Amino acid sequence: MNKRGLISLVMVVISIVMFLLMRGPDVNVYAGIIIFSLLSIIGIIFAILSKHWVPMTIGLILNGGVLIFTFLLLLATGISES
């Protein structure tokens, strides 16, 4: 596994740690959405740049899952405000 593939997987780990740290009723949800989406997009870019199949596939699947979770969080926040 090369350096870019490892960075892509580290972005997923950072997203999971941020999710576990950002708990409670007083959390700024929009800041979490921005953080999760940026980490996921950066992870997807590094997964594509890794040029090896295994880290690229794992990085795209995991970072794509984080991006889908972020979209669902944005959707739920928009529904709850309307």
C-alpha atoms as a PDB file:
ATOM      1  CA  MET A   1       0.000   0.000   0.000  1.00  0.00           C
ATOM      2  CA  ASN A   2       1.407   3.366  -0.939  1.00  0.00           C
ATOM      3  CA  LYS A   3       1.298   6.649   0.939  1.00  0.00           C
ATOM      4  CA  ARG A   4      -1.778   8.071  -0.804  1.00  0.00           C
ATOM      5  CA  GLY A   5      -3.815   4.938  -0.189  1.00  0.00           C
ATOM      6  CA  LEU A   6      -2.873   5.067   3.479  1.00  0.00           C
ATOM      7  CA  ILE A   7      -3.861   8.751   3.692  1.00  0.00           C
ATOM      8  CA  SER A   8      -7.229   7.853   2.162  1.00  0.00           C
ATOM      9  CA  LEU A   9      -7.850   5.279   4.895  1.00  0.00           C
ATOM     10  CA  VAL A  10      -6.660   7.711   7.565  1.00  0.00           C
ATOM     11  CA  MET A  11      -9.373  10.143   6.409  1.00  0.00           C
ATOM     12  CA  VAL A  12     -11.987   7.479   7.159  1.00  0.00           C
ATOM     13  CA  VAL A  13     -10.523   6.900  10.625  1.00  0.00           C
ATOM     14  CA  ILE A  14     -10.499  10.649  11.316  1.00  0.00           C
ATOM     15  CA  SER A  15     -14.153  10.859  10.220  1.00  0.00           C
ATOM     16  CA  ILE A  16     -15.126   8.048  12.599  1.00  0.00           C
ATOM     17  CA  VAL A  17     -13.219   9.655  15.486  1.00  0.00           C
ATOM     18  CA  MET A  18     -14.833  13.032  14.765  1.00  0.00           C
ATOM     19  CA  PHE A  19     -18.255  11.365  14.746  1.00  0.00           C
ATOM     20  CA  LEU A  20     -17.589   9.826  18.141  1.00  0.00           C
ATOM     21  CA  LEU A  21     -16.304  13.116  19.569  1.00  0.00           C
ATOM     22  CA  MET A  22     -19.147  15.263  18.208  1.00  0.00           C
ATOM     23  CA  ARG A  23     -21.993  13.878  20.305  1.00  0.00           C
ATOM     24  CA  GLY A  24     -24.667  15.537  22.366  1.00  0.00           C
ATOM     25  CA  PRO A  25     -27.472  18.035  22.001  1.00  0.00           C
ATOM     26  CA  ASP A  26     -25.232  21.114  21.759  1.00  0.00           C
ATOM     27  CA  VAL A  27     -23.291  20.036  18.664  1.00  0.00           C
ATOM     28  CA  ASN A  28     -23.188  22.310  15.639  1.00  0.00           C
ATOM     29  CA  VAL A  29     -24.544  19.933  13.001  1.00  0.00           C
ATOM     30  CA  TYR A  30     -23.574  22.111  10.047  1.00  0.00           C
ATOM     31  CA  ALA A  31     -19.932  22.172  11.170  1.00  0.00           C
ATOM     32  CA  GLY A  32     -20.038  18.371  11.346  1.00  0.00           C
ATOM     33  CA  ILE A  33     -21.513  18.169   7.854  1.00  0.00           C
ATOM     34  CA  ILE A  34     -18.751  20.392   6.488  1.00  0.00           C
ATOM     35  CA  ILE A  35     -16.014  18.434   8.289  1.00  0.00           C
ATOM     36  CA  PHE A  36     -17.348  15.031   7.182  1.00  0.00           C
ATOM     37  CA  SER A  37     -17.833  16.091   3.576  1.00  0.00           C
ATOM     38  CA  LEU A  38     -14.375  17.679   3.295  1.00  0.00           C
ATOM     39  CA  LEU A  39     -12.637  14.668   4.840  1.00  0.00           C
ATOM     40  CA  SER A  40     -14.577  12.322   2.583  1.00  0.00           C
ATOM     41  CA  ILE A  41     -13.844  14.264  -0.596  1.00  0.00           C
ATOM     42  CA  ILE A  42     -10.148  14.521   0.285  1.00  0.00           C
ATOM     43  CA  GLY A  43     -10.113  10.778   1.025  1.00  0.00           C
ATOM     44  CA  ILE A  44     -11.753   9.994  -2.325  1.00  0.00           C
ATOM     45  CA  ILE A  45      -9.194  12.154  -4.148  1.00  0.00           C
ATOM     46  CA  PHE A  46      -6.298  10.399  -2.402  1.00  0.00           C
ATOM     47  CA  ALA A  47      -7.863   6.993  -3.135  1.00  0.00           C
ATOM     48  CA  ILE A  48      -8.052   7.802  -6.844  1.00  0.00           C
ATOM     49  CA  LEU A  49      -4.480   9.121  -6.858  1.00  0.00           C
ATOM     50  CA  SER A  50      -3.123   5.981  -5.176  1.00  0.00           C
ATOM     51  CA  LYS A  51      -3.075   4.052  -8.513  1.00  0.00           C
ATOM     52  CA  HIS A  52      -3.252   0.652  -6.763  1.00  0.00           C
ATOM     53  CA  TRP A  53      -6.465  -1.356  -6.926  1.00  0.00           C
ATOM     54  CA  VAL A  54      -6.784  -2.495  -3.321  1.00  0.00           C
ATOM     55  CA  PRO A  55      -6.351   0.881  -1.551  1.00  0.00           C
ATOM     56  CA  MET A  56      -8.343   2.588  -4.293  1.00  0.00           C
ATOM     57  CA  THR A  57     -11.292   0.225  -3.881  1.00  0.00           C
ATOM     58  CA  ILE A  58     -11.252   0.239  -0.084  1.00  0.00           C
ATOM     59  CA  GLY A  59     -10.762   4.015   0.065  1.00  0.00           C
ATOM     60  CA  LEU A  60     -13.558   4.719  -2.415  1.00  0.00           C
ATOM     61  CA  ILE A  61     -16.016   2.417  -0.646  1.00  0.00           C
ATOM     62  CA  LEU A  62     -15.292   3.692   2.866  1.00  0.00           C
ATOM     63  CA  ASN A  63     -15.077   7.380   1.945  1.00  0.00           C
ATOM     64  CA  GLY A  64     -18.163   7.004  -0.224  1.00  0.00           C
ATOM     65  CA  GLY A  65     -19.972   5.575   2.798  1.00  0.00           C
ATOM     66  CA  VAL A  66     -18.951   8.581   4.865  1.00  0.00           C
ATOM     67  CA  LEU A  67     -20.154  10.893   2.082  1.00  0.00           C
ATOM     68  CA  ILE A  68     -23.525   9.086   1.923  1.00  0.00           C
ATOM     69  CA  PHE A  69     -23.823   9.365   5.716  1.00  0.00           C
ATOM     70  CA  THR A  70     -23.091  13.095   5.429  1.00  0.00           C
ATOM     71  CA  PHE A  71     -25.758  13.510   2.749  1.00  0.00           C
ATOM     72  CA  LEU A  72     -28.314  11.709   4.927  1.00  0.00           C
ATOM     73  CA  LEU A  73     -27.357  13.927   7.869  1.00  0.00           C
ATOM     74  CA  LEU A  74     -27.833  17.027   5.701  1.00  0.00           C
ATOM     75  CA  LEU A  75     -31.168  15.691   4.485  1.00  0.00           C
ATOM     76  CA  ALA A  76     -32.377  14.963   8.029  1.00  0.00           C
ATOM     77  CA  THR A  77     -31.291  18.415   9.189  1.00  0.00           C
ATOM     78  CA  GLY A  78     -33.166  20.053   6.318  1.00  0.00           C
ATOM     79  CA  ILE A  79     -36.316  18.031   6.999  1.00  0.00           C
ATOM     80  CA  SER A  80     -36.276  18.823  10.705  1.00  0.00           C
ATOM     81  CA  GLU A  81     -36.059  22.573  10.064  1.00  0.00           C
ATOM     82  CA  SER A  82     -38.972  22.753   7.640  1.00  0.00           C
END
